[in-house]
Amino acid sequence: MPPIDSKTPAVELNDEDKVKWKNGLAWEKSLDEQREHQLIREGLFWHDEQLDGLSDDDRMWEIIKMSFLQVATILDSVGLVHYFEYFLERGILGAKHMRLLTLKYVQTKMPEIEDPKEQSDIVEAAANSMMDEEMRLFEARYGDIDRLVLDCQHARRFLSEKLLHDDWMIDQYDLTAPLHLEASSHHTKWSVPKVDYESFGHYADWVAATGCDGFLFLWPVIEGNRVPPVVRCKKLHNAPCADFVVDWQHMEAVTCGIDNKVNLYRIKEAWVLDVLNLCCCCNRPCLELSLCCFAQAFCSWESLFSTWKETIEFKRDKHDNQGFLCVAADVGTGRVALGTNFGWIKILDFQTKEFVSSLIGHQDHCKALAVDWEKNLVVSCSWDSYVHLYDLRSAKLAHRLTGHNSNCYALDVDFESMVAVSSANEYRFMLWDLRERKLLQSYESPGHNVNCMSLDAENGKLATASDDGLVKIWNLHTEAGEEWETSWENSLDCKHNMTVAMDVDWQLGRLVTASWDYNVDMWNLTTGEHLHHFFKPRRCMTQVRMSK
């Protein structure tokens, strides 16, 4: 809401005011969308030699002053630079804010500018300011001025007296709020340029990732291009997409989420089949008429192919809180295994559109699983601290592996070697023999609480990632009881706040990571060199995969 101590009335824009603002920015439609997206991506690695050698705080302060100078430059272009400090007082700190300037705002919030010609000249200059590429790409290259002002100690000192005694920035809300939807539209955030979208067939090497906002992103891995374009950006879930698998040969993905949904996503056509959305009355797929639902709730398999889907409200009960946390799938045969937030593992058959069985045993969130469909073997781990082996033929728990003392988070399995590795909320991970169904070795990982892992059983290597932002490489060919340094080989600093997901291509010597601070990156597994940054996500990531 607007500040209660404002000395001027609130700005209320009607449709006509918004149309005038958009007309002033009509020149933006002539920009090459693909090029603009590319320049924004490349801005992440923009290097300004003038900032070399400065401390982090001094660097931020120099950038803030550069932003202030943009306001002065725009005002000077119409001979009104004497209003410079007045604009800073209003919280207009750079070209980013000038772009949002409307005539209504100037008339309402800037009573010192009385001349109608001056008002219109300022608004016109503000609308055209970002024709200058340096101003237009300033935020992409240097960062968000609003965030920098809060993070920079110099800026906080500068503003503390201004805020206290001179009422600076109390009306910035009225500049940004009326145009928030237009400035942060779905198209602005998630659009993929047509040329990039249609370039799908030009590439064969891929990285895909999912996030807490329910989106799945797909990028080509282009040698020499540090920031390749996103070619698919699709919202598949209305809650975090917890896990996914990809059939890279046919370019089809199966995703699952905590919204109780499973999707089959045909990536090439960007076409989504809502495979499963459980009825919260009977916990059955909404693929047929259910007697326990309202009579008008007719959900047929054919209706899923229609271009629209009617939303039907069901009576709430305990199943309404069900979510899928992990998935393993053989997309070719339509077999899917899903770990749930209450511990059961559900086996779904795409061909019959029904659950085949439920594997009961875990008492808490099933966080990871792996399936060998030929061996009819499922391996899973859970917050109940156990690693389970299930037989798909009998749908029974075959064995419970014990050893962890806390919630299990991550698992990787090599069914050819019949070994598995798992981690929990503790500074160690464990290697299991699935044939003998016993613990082979426990490895200490001081200060490194493993979130995700990738196993190279043939060469006895393991990669782990943790909240510390590091990826560690381990040698599993060690004797029981040896010190942890014997197992640890090297660490790669991924510069993440928290590394939450990872995928490794041991043969090509590369890995991709996804983080809590919504970064997706590719690294050289041996040298730690940063190879690619995959740009688009705006929320915490949940899973990442690459073609191999």
Protein backbone atom coordinates (compact mmCIF):
# COMPACT_ATOMS: atom_id res chain seq x y z
CA MET A 1 0.00 0.00 0.00
CA PRO A 2 1.12 3.66 -0.48
CA PRO A 3 2.89 5.19 2.54
CA ILE A 4 0.49 6.87 4.97
CA ASP A 5 2.89 9.80 5.44
CA SER A 6 2.94 10.78 1.77
CA LYS A 7 2.34 14.50 1.19
CA THR A 8 0.77 13.92 -2.23
CA PRO A 9 -2.24 11.83 -3.29
CA ALA A 10 -1.86 8.29 -4.60
CA VAL A 11 -1.39 7.77 -8.32
CA GLU A 12 -4.27 5.96 -9.92
CA LEU A 13 -3.82 5.13 -13.59
CA ASN A 14 -6.88 4.50 -15.72
CA ASP A 15 -6.84 2.53 -18.96
CA GLU A 16 -6.21 5.67 -21.00
CA ASP A 17 -3.15 6.55 -18.91
CA LYS A 18 -1.74 3.06 -19.41
CA VAL A 19 -2.35 3.21 -23.16
CA LYS A 20 -0.44 6.51 -23.34
CA TRP A 21 2.46 4.96 -21.44
CA LYS A 22 2.54 1.94 -23.76
CA ASN A 23 2.37 4.16 -26.83
CA GLY A 24 5.43 6.02 -25.61
CA LEU A 25 7.28 2.69 -25.57
CA ALA A 26 6.01 1.54 -28.96
CA TRP A 27 9.56 1.67 -30.31
CA GLU A 28 10.37 -1.45 -28.24
CA LYS A 29 8.31 -3.55 -30.67
CA SER A 30 10.85 -2.86 -33.42
CA LEU A 31 13.67 -4.49 -31.46
CA ASP A 32 15.01 -7.87 -32.56
CA GLU A 33 13.60 -10.11 -29.82
CA GLN A 34 16.18 -12.85 -30.27
CA ARG A 35 19.06 -10.37 -30.14
CA GLU A 36 17.64 -8.67 -27.05
CA HIS A 37 17.36 -12.01 -25.25
CA GLN A 38 20.93 -12.82 -26.25
CA LEU A 39 22.26 -9.46 -24.99
CA ILE A 40 20.44 -9.88 -21.68
CA ARG A 41 21.97 -13.35 -21.23
CA GLU A 42 25.43 -12.13 -22.14
CA GLY A 43 25.04 -9.30 -19.65
CA LEU A 44 25.65 -11.81 -16.87
CA PHE A 45 29.30 -11.96 -17.90
CA TRP A 46 29.72 -8.29 -18.79
CA HIS A 47 33.12 -7.00 -17.71
CA ASP A 48 33.69 -3.33 -16.90
CA GLU A 49 37.38 -2.60 -16.45
CA GLN A 50 36.55 0.56 -14.47
CA LEU A 51 35.32 -1.65 -11.63
CA ASP A 52 38.43 -3.85 -11.48
CA GLY A 53 40.22 -3.88 -8.14
CA LEU A 54 37.31 -2.50 -6.13
CA SER A 55 35.89 -4.15 -3.05
CA ASP A 56 32.37 -5.53 -3.34
CA ASP A 57 30.90 -2.55 -1.52
CA ASP A 58 32.88 0.01 -3.51
CA ARG A 59 31.88 -1.75 -6.72
CA MET A 60 28.19 -1.56 -5.82
CA TRP A 61 28.51 2.11 -4.93
CA GLU A 62 30.13 2.91 -8.28
CA ILE A 63 27.30 1.10 -10.08
CA ILE A 64 24.71 3.01 -8.05
CA LYS A 65 26.34 6.32 -9.02
CA MET A 66 26.34 5.20 -12.67
CA SER A 67 22.61 4.61 -12.36
CA PHE A 68 22.09 8.05 -10.79
CA LEU A 69 24.00 9.54 -13.73
CA GLN A 70 21.48 8.00 -16.12
CA VAL A 71 18.74 10.13 -14.56
CA ALA A 72 20.87 13.24 -14.93
CA THR A 73 21.65 12.39 -18.57
CA ILE A 74 17.97 11.93 -19.47
CA LEU A 75 16.96 15.21 -17.81
CA ASP A 76 19.88 17.03 -19.41
CA SER A 77 18.70 15.89 -22.86
CA VAL A 78 15.67 18.18 -22.44
CA GLY A 79 17.52 20.94 -20.56
CA LEU A 80 16.01 20.08 -17.18
CA VAL A 81 18.97 18.66 -15.28
CA HIS A 82 18.25 21.03 -12.37
CA TYR A 83 15.49 18.58 -11.37
CA PHE A 84 18.06 15.80 -10.88
CA GLU A 85 18.04 15.70 -7.06
CA TYR A 86 14.27 16.09 -7.06
CA PHE A 87 14.01 12.86 -9.08
CA LEU A 88 16.35 11.01 -6.71
CA GLU A 89 14.21 12.25 -3.82
CA ARG A 90 11.17 10.64 -5.46
CA GLY A 91 13.06 7.32 -5.62
CA ILE A 92 13.74 7.50 -9.37
CA LEU A 93 17.28 6.13 -9.28
CA GLY A 94 18.00 5.10 -12.86
CA ALA A 95 16.74 4.51 -16.38
CA LYS A 96 14.87 1.44 -15.08
CA HIS A 97 12.61 3.76 -13.06
CA MET A 98 12.48 6.47 -15.72
CA ARG A 99 10.95 3.92 -18.10
CA LEU A 100 7.96 3.63 -15.71
CA LEU A 101 7.36 7.38 -15.63
CA THR A 102 3.85 8.48 -16.63
CA LEU A 103 2.40 11.95 -17.07
CA LYS A 104 -0.08 11.20 -14.28
CA TYR A 105 2.81 10.46 -11.89
CA VAL A 106 4.62 13.70 -12.73
CA GLN A 107 1.44 15.73 -12.33
CA THR A 108 0.50 14.04 -9.04
CA LYS A 109 3.82 13.41 -7.31
CA MET A 110 6.04 16.21 -8.60
CA PRO A 111 4.30 19.49 -7.79
CA GLU A 112 7.55 21.42 -8.26
CA ILE A 113 7.34 20.71 -12.02
CA GLU A 114 4.45 23.01 -12.89
CA ASP A 115 5.05 23.76 -16.56
CA PRO A 116 2.95 21.37 -18.73
CA LYS A 117 5.63 21.45 -21.46
CA GLU A 118 8.34 20.46 -19.00
CA GLN A 119 6.12 17.65 -17.76
CA SER A 120 5.51 16.26 -21.25
CA ASP A 121 9.16 16.71 -22.28
CA ILE A 122 10.35 14.75 -19.27
CA VAL A 123 7.87 11.91 -19.87
CA GLU A 124 8.79 11.72 -23.55
CA ALA A 125 12.53 11.68 -22.77
CA ALA A 126 11.96 8.97 -20.16
CA ALA A 127 10.03 6.83 -22.64
CA ASN A 128 12.83 7.09 -25.20
CA SER A 129 15.69 6.73 -22.73
CA MET A 130 16.13 3.01 -23.22
CA MET A 131 16.69 3.39 -26.92
CA ASP A 132 20.23 3.77 -25.64
CA GLU A 133 21.50 0.19 -25.42
CA GLU A 134 23.73 0.94 -22.43
CA MET A 135 20.72 2.10 -20.44
CA ARG A 136 18.47 -0.70 -21.69
CA LEU A 137 20.95 -3.41 -20.68
CA PHE A 138 22.22 -1.74 -17.52
CA GLU A 139 20.30 -4.02 -15.14
CA ALA A 140 21.36 -7.16 -17.03
CA ARG A 141 25.02 -6.12 -16.87
CA TYR A 142 25.31 -4.54 -13.44
CA GLY A 143 22.34 -5.71 -11.37
CA ASP A 144 19.05 -4.43 -10.01
CA ILE A 145 19.49 -0.89 -8.65
CA ASP A 146 16.78 -1.42 -6.01
CA ARG A 147 18.64 -4.43 -4.64
CA LEU A 148 22.06 -2.75 -4.85
CA VAL A 149 20.85 0.23 -2.83
CA LEU A 150 19.80 -2.14 -0.04
CA ASP A 151 22.99 -4.22 -0.16
CA CYS A 152 25.57 -1.42 -0.41
CA GLN A 153 26.87 0.06 2.85
CA HIS A 154 27.84 3.34 1.14
CA ALA A 155 24.31 3.69 -0.24
CA ARG A 156 22.69 2.96 3.12
CA ARG A 157 24.83 5.66 4.74
CA PHE A 158 24.00 8.11 1.97
CA LEU A 159 20.28 7.47 2.20
CA SER A 160 19.94 7.23 5.98
CA GLU A 161 19.97 10.99 6.51
CA LYS A 162 17.92 11.63 3.37
CA LEU A 163 15.24 9.18 4.41
CA LEU A 164 15.09 10.52 7.93
CA HIS A 165 15.12 14.27 7.31
CA ASP A 166 14.18 14.90 3.68
CA ASP A 167 11.42 12.30 3.09
CA TRP A 168 13.31 10.63 0.27
CA MET A 169 11.83 7.67 -1.63
CA ILE A 170 8.57 7.47 0.34
CA ASP A 171 6.54 7.61 -2.88
CA GLN A 172 8.44 5.10 -4.99
CA TYR A 173 5.54 2.68 -4.57
CA ASP A 174 3.34 4.97 -6.65
CA LEU A 175 5.83 4.83 -9.49
CA THR A 176 6.16 1.05 -9.71
CA ALA A 177 2.88 -0.39 -8.42
CA PRO A 178 0.44 0.91 -11.07
CA LEU A 179 2.55 -0.60 -13.86
CA HIS A 180 3.81 -3.69 -12.08
CA LEU A 181 1.79 -6.14 -14.16
CA GLU A 182 2.80 -4.50 -17.44
CA ALA A 183 6.47 -4.36 -16.46
CA SER A 184 6.53 -7.94 -15.11
CA SER A 185 4.11 -9.69 -17.43
CA HIS A 186 4.12 -13.39 -18.15
CA HIS A 187 5.44 -12.63 -21.65
CA THR A 188 8.31 -10.55 -20.28
CA LYS A 189 9.37 -13.28 -17.87
CA TRP A 190 8.79 -16.48 -19.80
CA SER A 191 8.63 -15.77 -23.53
CA VAL A 192 10.95 -17.66 -25.90
CA PRO A 193 11.81 -15.84 -29.15
CA LYS A 194 10.23 -17.54 -32.14
CA VAL A 195 13.60 -18.08 -33.81
CA ASP A 196 14.99 -19.83 -30.71
CA TYR A 197 11.81 -21.88 -30.30
CA GLU A 198 12.00 -23.10 -33.90
CA SER A 199 15.74 -23.88 -33.66
CA PHE A 200 14.96 -27.09 -31.75
CA GLY A 201 15.97 -29.36 -34.64
CA HIS A 202 19.42 -27.78 -34.98
CA TYR A 203 20.82 -29.32 -31.80
CA ALA A 204 21.45 -32.76 -30.32
CA ASP A 205 23.09 -31.98 -26.95
CA TRP A 206 20.74 -30.83 -24.19
CA VAL A 207 20.28 -29.72 -20.59
CA ALA A 208 16.85 -29.63 -18.93
CA ALA A 209 15.84 -28.42 -15.48
CA THR A 210 12.74 -27.96 -13.34
CA GLY A 211 11.96 -25.51 -10.59
CA CYS A 212 9.71 -24.57 -7.69
CA ASP A 213 7.47 -22.57 -10.02
CA GLY A 214 6.44 -25.72 -11.91
CA PHE A 215 8.34 -24.89 -15.11
CA LEU A 216 10.48 -27.17 -17.21
CA PHE A 217 13.30 -25.49 -19.15
CA LEU A 218 15.31 -26.90 -22.05
CA TRP A 219 18.59 -25.50 -23.41
CA PRO A 220 20.93 -26.70 -26.17
CA VAL A 221 24.57 -27.13 -25.20
CA ILE A 222 26.36 -25.02 -27.82
CA GLU A 223 30.15 -25.18 -27.81
CA GLY A 224 31.66 -21.73 -27.42
CA ASN A 225 28.35 -20.17 -26.34
CA ARG A 226 28.58 -19.54 -22.62
CA VAL A 227 24.92 -18.54 -22.33
CA PRO A 228 22.90 -20.60 -24.84
CA PRO A 229 19.24 -19.70 -25.40
CA VAL A 230 16.33 -21.46 -23.78
CA VAL A 231 14.24 -23.18 -26.48
CA ARG A 232 11.47 -24.56 -24.28
CA CYS A 233 9.98 -22.91 -21.21
CA LYS A 234 6.79 -24.69 -20.19
CA LYS A 235 4.72 -24.51 -17.02
CA LEU A 236 3.72 -28.09 -16.24
CA HIS A 237 2.71 -27.88 -12.57
CA ASN A 238 0.90 -25.43 -10.34
CA ALA A 239 3.32 -26.19 -7.50
CA PRO A 240 6.99 -27.23 -7.40
CA CYS A 241 7.91 -29.79 -10.03
CA ALA A 242 9.79 -32.19 -7.78
CA ASP A 243 11.43 -34.52 -10.29
CA PHE A 244 11.51 -35.55 -13.94
CA VAL A 245 13.07 -38.01 -16.36
CA VAL A 246 13.73 -37.57 -20.07
CA ASP A 247 13.79 -40.03 -22.93
CA TRP A 248 16.39 -38.11 -24.95
CA GLN A 249 16.00 -40.33 -28.00
CA HIS A 250 12.32 -39.48 -28.40
CA MET A 251 12.53 -36.14 -26.57
CA GLU A 252 9.75 -36.93 -24.12
CA ALA A 253 9.76 -36.09 -20.43
CA VAL A 254 7.76 -37.39 -17.47
CA THR A 255 7.41 -34.88 -14.67
CA CYS A 256 5.88 -35.15 -11.21
CA GLY A 257 5.05 -32.53 -8.62
CA ILE A 258 3.74 -31.90 -5.17
CA ASP A 259 0.48 -30.80 -6.81
CA ASN A 260 -0.38 -34.52 -7.18
CA LYS A 261 0.15 -34.45 -10.94
CA VAL A 262 2.19 -36.44 -13.45
CA ASN A 263 2.72 -35.08 -16.95
CA LEU A 264 4.01 -36.55 -20.17
CA TYR A 265 5.66 -33.68 -22.03
CA ARG A 266 6.48 -34.12 -25.71
CA ILE A 267 9.29 -31.62 -25.90
CA LYS A 268 9.59 -31.23 -29.66
CA GLU A 269 5.96 -30.19 -30.11
CA ALA A 270 5.81 -28.61 -26.63
CA TRP A 271 2.65 -30.66 -26.13
CA VAL A 272 1.56 -31.78 -22.66
CA LEU A 273 -0.55 -34.76 -21.73
CA ASP A 274 -1.92 -34.48 -18.21
CA VAL A 275 -1.32 -38.17 -17.52
CA LEU A 276 -2.55 -38.18 -13.97
CA ASN A 277 -4.34 -35.79 -11.68
CA LEU A 278 -5.68 -37.82 -8.80
CA CYS A 279 -9.25 -37.37 -7.71
CA CYS A 280 -9.05 -36.17 -4.13
CA CYS A 281 -12.16 -38.17 -3.24
CA CYS A 282 -11.06 -41.64 -4.18
CA ASN A 283 -7.33 -41.23 -4.86
CA ARG A 284 -7.87 -42.67 -8.36
CA PRO A 285 -6.79 -41.17 -11.67
CA CYS A 286 -9.39 -38.78 -13.06
CA LEU A 287 -9.62 -40.78 -16.27
CA GLU A 288 -13.06 -42.29 -15.90
CA LEU A 289 -16.42 -41.66 -14.26
CA SER A 290 -16.00 -41.89 -10.48
CA LEU A 291 -19.13 -42.62 -8.43
CA CYS A 292 -17.75 -40.89 -5.37
CA CYS A 293 -17.37 -37.59 -7.27
CA PHE A 294 -20.12 -35.17 -8.07
CA ALA A 295 -22.39 -36.47 -10.81
CA GLN A 296 -21.37 -33.75 -13.25
CA ALA A 297 -17.68 -34.61 -12.91
CA PHE A 298 -17.15 -36.61 -16.07
CA CYS A 299 -13.42 -37.14 -16.63
CA SER A 300 -12.62 -39.28 -19.65
CA TRP A 301 -9.26 -40.17 -21.21
CA GLU A 302 -10.35 -38.55 -24.47
CA SER A 303 -11.07 -35.26 -22.73
CA LEU A 304 -7.41 -34.94 -21.83
CA PHE A 305 -6.64 -34.40 -25.50
CA SER A 306 -9.07 -31.53 -25.86
CA THR A 307 -7.86 -27.94 -26.08
CA TRP A 308 -9.63 -27.01 -22.84
CA LYS A 309 -10.24 -28.72 -19.52
CA GLU A 310 -12.99 -27.80 -17.12
CA THR A 311 -11.95 -27.41 -13.49
CA ILE A 312 -14.15 -29.38 -11.09
CA GLU A 313 -14.11 -28.93 -7.34
CA PHE A 314 -14.24 -32.14 -5.29
CA LYS A 315 -14.89 -32.73 -1.64
CA ARG A 316 -11.66 -32.30 0.32
CA ASP A 317 -10.13 -35.11 2.34
CA LYS A 318 -6.75 -36.52 3.32
CA HIS A 319 -5.76 -37.34 -0.25
CA ASP A 320 -5.82 -33.68 -1.10
CA ASN A 321 -2.35 -33.37 0.49
CA GLN A 322 -0.76 -36.09 -1.62
CA GLY A 323 2.27 -35.11 -3.67
CA PHE A 324 4.81 -36.91 -5.84
CA LEU A 325 8.44 -36.31 -4.84
CA CYS A 326 10.44 -38.49 -7.23
CA VAL A 327 9.93 -40.43 -10.43
CA ALA A 328 11.55 -43.21 -12.45
CA ALA A 329 10.10 -44.09 -15.83
CA ASP A 330 10.57 -46.19 -18.92
CA VAL A 331 8.87 -43.80 -21.31
CA GLY A 332 9.00 -46.27 -24.19
CA THR A 333 6.91 -48.91 -22.39
CA GLY A 334 4.86 -46.45 -20.34
CA ARG A 335 5.91 -47.73 -16.93
CA VAL A 336 6.33 -45.15 -14.17
CA ALA A 337 7.28 -45.37 -10.49
CA LEU A 338 6.36 -42.46 -8.23
CA GLY A 339 7.54 -41.75 -4.69
CA THR A 340 4.95 -40.02 -2.52
CA ASN A 341 5.08 -37.69 0.45
CA PHE A 342 3.53 -40.37 2.69
CA GLY A 343 6.09 -43.04 1.81
CA TRP A 344 4.29 -45.29 -0.65
CA ILE A 345 5.71 -45.91 -4.11
CA LYS A 346 3.03 -46.06 -6.78
CA ILE A 347 3.48 -47.89 -10.05
CA LEU A 348 1.59 -46.35 -12.97
CA ASP A 349 1.01 -47.85 -16.41
CA PHE A 350 0.62 -45.27 -19.20
CA GLN A 351 -0.90 -47.86 -21.51
CA THR A 352 -3.84 -48.72 -19.26
CA LYS A 353 -3.90 -45.31 -17.55
CA GLU A 354 -4.14 -47.01 -14.17
CA PHE A 355 -2.07 -47.75 -11.11
CA VAL A 356 -0.61 -51.24 -11.25
CA SER A 357 0.41 -51.48 -7.62
CA SER A 358 1.54 -49.63 -4.52
CA LEU A 359 4.80 -50.52 -2.77
CA ILE A 360 4.27 -50.08 0.95
CA GLY A 361 7.06 -49.87 3.49
CA HIS A 362 8.41 -46.36 3.96
CA GLN A 363 6.87 -44.39 6.79
CA ASP A 364 7.77 -40.91 5.55
CA HIS A 365 8.62 -38.93 2.39
CA CYS A 366 10.09 -41.14 -0.33
CA LYS A 367 12.80 -38.77 -1.60
CA ALA A 368 14.55 -40.80 -4.32
CA LEU A 369 14.14 -44.05 -6.20
CA ALA A 370 15.62 -46.05 -9.05
CA VAL A 371 14.08 -48.92 -11.02
CA ASP A 372 15.42 -51.77 -13.13
CA TRP A 373 12.31 -52.82 -15.03
CA GLU A 374 13.94 -56.00 -16.38
CA LYS A 375 15.13 -57.14 -12.95
CA ASN A 376 11.80 -56.02 -11.42
CA LEU A 377 13.78 -54.27 -8.71
CA VAL A 378 13.08 -50.92 -7.07
CA VAL A 379 15.56 -49.19 -4.76
CA SER A 380 14.38 -46.19 -2.74
CA CYS A 381 15.28 -44.02 0.21
CA SER A 382 13.11 -42.04 2.59
CA TRP A 383 12.97 -39.58 5.43
CA ASP A 384 12.41 -42.62 7.65
CA SER A 385 16.23 -43.18 7.30
CA TYR A 386 15.93 -46.51 5.43
CA VAL A 387 16.98 -47.70 1.99
CA HIS A 388 14.45 -50.20 0.63
CA LEU A 389 14.56 -52.91 -2.01
CA TYR A 390 11.21 -53.90 -3.54
CA ASP A 391 10.25 -56.74 -5.87
CA LEU A 392 7.90 -55.44 -8.56
CA ARG A 393 6.50 -58.92 -9.25
CA SER A 394 5.15 -59.37 -5.76
CA ALA A 395 4.88 -55.66 -4.94
CA LYS A 396 6.53 -56.50 -1.63
CA LEU A 397 9.38 -55.06 0.39
CA ALA A 398 12.28 -57.48 -0.22
CA HIS A 399 14.83 -55.96 2.13
CA ARG A 400 15.44 -52.94 4.36
CA LEU A 401 18.98 -51.57 4.50
CA THR A 402 19.76 -49.86 7.80
CA GLY A 403 22.64 -47.63 8.81
CA HIS A 404 21.60 -44.03 8.38
CA ASN A 405 20.67 -42.10 11.50
CA SER A 406 18.64 -39.33 9.91
CA ASN A 407 16.37 -38.42 6.99
CA CYS A 408 17.63 -39.90 3.72
CA TYR A 409 17.83 -37.39 0.87
CA ALA A 410 19.69 -38.79 -2.11
CA LEU A 411 20.30 -42.09 -3.89
CA ASP A 412 22.06 -43.38 -6.99
CA VAL A 413 22.11 -46.97 -8.21
CA ASP A 414 24.15 -48.98 -10.71
CA PHE A 415 22.02 -52.03 -11.44
CA GLU A 416 24.70 -53.60 -13.65
CA SER A 417 27.15 -53.67 -10.75
CA MET A 418 24.32 -54.04 -8.23
CA VAL A 419 25.63 -51.32 -5.96
CA ALA A 420 23.89 -48.24 -4.58
CA VAL A 421 25.00 -45.15 -2.72
CA SER A 422 22.81 -43.08 -0.42
CA SER A 423 23.03 -40.02 1.81
CA ALA A 424 21.09 -38.59 4.72
CA ASN A 425 21.00 -35.49 6.90
CA GLU A 426 24.39 -36.34 8.33
CA TYR A 427 28.03 -35.85 7.35
CA ARG A 428 28.50 -39.20 5.66
CA PHE A 429 27.23 -41.36 2.82
CA MET A 430 27.00 -45.13 2.38
CA LEU A 431 27.81 -47.67 -0.30
CA TRP A 432 25.55 -50.75 -0.46
CA ASP A 433 25.89 -54.19 -2.03
CA LEU A 434 22.45 -54.97 -3.50
CA ARG A 435 23.26 -58.62 -4.23
CA GLU A 436 24.35 -59.42 -0.70
CA ARG A 437 22.03 -56.76 0.67
CA LYS A 438 24.56 -55.31 3.04
CA LEU A 439 26.60 -52.19 3.75
CA LEU A 440 29.95 -52.18 1.97
CA GLN A 441 31.41 -48.95 3.32
CA SER A 442 30.47 -45.78 5.15
CA TYR A 443 32.31 -42.62 4.08
CA GLU A 444 32.72 -39.53 6.23
CA SER A 445 32.07 -36.12 4.62
CA PRO A 446 32.80 -33.47 7.30
CA GLY A 447 30.90 -30.23 6.74
CA HIS A 448 29.42 -31.60 3.50
CA ASN A 449 25.81 -32.67 3.95
CA VAL A 450 25.02 -34.40 0.65
CA ASN A 451 21.91 -33.22 -1.25
CA CYS A 452 22.49 -35.10 -4.50
CA MET A 453 24.96 -37.59 -5.93
CA SER A 454 26.09 -39.31 -9.12
CA LEU A 455 27.81 -42.70 -9.14
CA ASP A 456 30.41 -44.05 -11.58
CA ALA A 457 30.55 -47.61 -10.27
CA GLU A 458 32.81 -48.90 -13.05
CA ASN A 459 35.64 -46.56 -12.03
CA GLY A 460 34.76 -46.34 -8.35
CA LYS A 461 33.98 -42.60 -8.46
CA LEU A 462 31.23 -40.59 -6.82
CA ALA A 463 30.27 -36.92 -7.16
CA THR A 464 28.31 -35.27 -4.35
CA ALA A 465 26.84 -31.79 -3.94
CA SER A 466 25.77 -29.99 -0.79
CA ASP A 467 24.48 -26.82 0.85
CA ASP A 468 28.08 -25.56 0.90
CA GLY A 469 27.86 -25.01 -2.87
CA LEU A 470 30.68 -27.47 -3.51
CA VAL A 471 30.76 -30.57 -5.66
CA LYS A 472 33.15 -33.14 -4.24
CA ILE A 473 34.66 -36.07 -6.10
CA TRP A 474 35.30 -39.24 -4.10
CA ASN A 475 37.28 -42.43 -4.69
CA LEU A 476 35.21 -45.35 -3.43
CA HIS A 477 38.08 -47.83 -3.69
CA THR A 478 39.19 -47.38 -0.10
CA GLU A 479 39.55 -49.75 2.79
CA ALA A 480 37.07 -49.73 5.65
CA GLY A 481 38.17 -47.52 8.51
CA GLU A 482 40.47 -45.26 6.48
CA GLU A 483 40.37 -41.49 7.06
CA TRP A 484 37.91 -39.49 4.94
CA GLU A 485 40.76 -37.61 3.22
CA THR A 486 41.74 -40.91 1.59
CA SER A 487 38.38 -41.09 -0.15
CA TRP A 488 38.06 -37.41 -1.06
CA GLU A 489 39.90 -36.47 -4.26
CA ASN A 490 38.98 -32.85 -5.07
CA SER A 491 36.30 -30.16 -4.77
CA LEU A 492 34.71 -27.90 -7.37
CA ASP A 493 33.35 -24.55 -6.22
CA CYS A 494 30.10 -23.99 -8.12
CA LYS A 495 29.56 -20.62 -6.42
CA HIS A 496 25.99 -21.56 -5.55
CA ASN A 497 24.16 -20.62 -2.41
CA MET A 498 23.03 -24.25 -2.15
CA THR A 499 23.58 -26.94 -4.78
CA VAL A 500 20.32 -28.89 -4.75
CA ALA A 501 20.57 -31.00 -7.92
CA MET A 502 23.29 -32.38 -10.15
CA ASP A 503 23.87 -34.64 -13.15
CA VAL A 504 27.25 -35.96 -14.27
CA ASP A 505 28.49 -37.26 -17.60
CA TRP A 506 31.53 -39.23 -16.49
CA GLN A 507 32.49 -40.18 -20.03
CA LEU A 508 32.68 -36.61 -21.34
CA GLY A 509 33.96 -35.25 -18.02
CA ARG A 510 31.28 -32.64 -17.37
CA LEU A 511 28.55 -31.97 -14.87
CA VAL A 512 25.51 -29.71 -14.57
CA THR A 513 24.32 -28.23 -11.30
CA ALA A 514 21.14 -26.51 -10.17
CA SER A 515 20.88 -24.35 -7.10
CA TRP A 516 18.65 -22.82 -4.47
CA ASP A 517 19.49 -19.38 -5.91
CA TYR A 518 18.01 -20.45 -9.28
CA ASN A 519 21.23 -21.04 -11.20
CA VAL A 520 21.76 -23.84 -13.72
CA ASP A 521 25.37 -24.28 -14.86
CA MET A 522 27.70 -26.70 -16.63
CA TRP A 523 31.27 -27.35 -15.44
CA ASN A 524 34.35 -29.26 -16.52
CA LEU A 525 34.50 -32.18 -14.13
CA THR A 526 38.31 -32.27 -14.06
CA THR A 527 39.35 -28.61 -14.01
CA GLY A 528 36.25 -27.02 -12.51
CA GLU A 529 36.09 -24.57 -15.43
CA HIS A 530 32.71 -22.95 -15.94
CA LEU A 531 31.42 -23.94 -19.39
CA HIS A 532 27.82 -22.70 -19.66
CA HIS A 533 25.22 -20.78 -17.71
CA PHE A 534 21.62 -21.58 -18.56
CA PHE A 535 19.54 -18.43 -18.26
CA LYS A 536 15.80 -18.08 -17.54
CA PRO A 537 14.79 -19.54 -14.15
CA ARG A 538 13.50 -17.13 -11.53
CA ARG A 539 12.87 -19.52 -8.64
CA CYS A 540 14.69 -22.24 -6.71
CA MET A 541 15.55 -25.21 -8.93
CA THR A 542 14.58 -28.78 -8.05
CA GLN A 543 16.16 -31.11 -10.62
CA VAL A 544 18.51 -31.04 -13.61
CA ARG A 545 19.28 -33.57 -16.35
CA MET A 546 21.54 -33.62 -19.41
CA SER A 547 21.62 -35.83 -22.47
CA LYS A 548 24.42 -38.37 -22.50
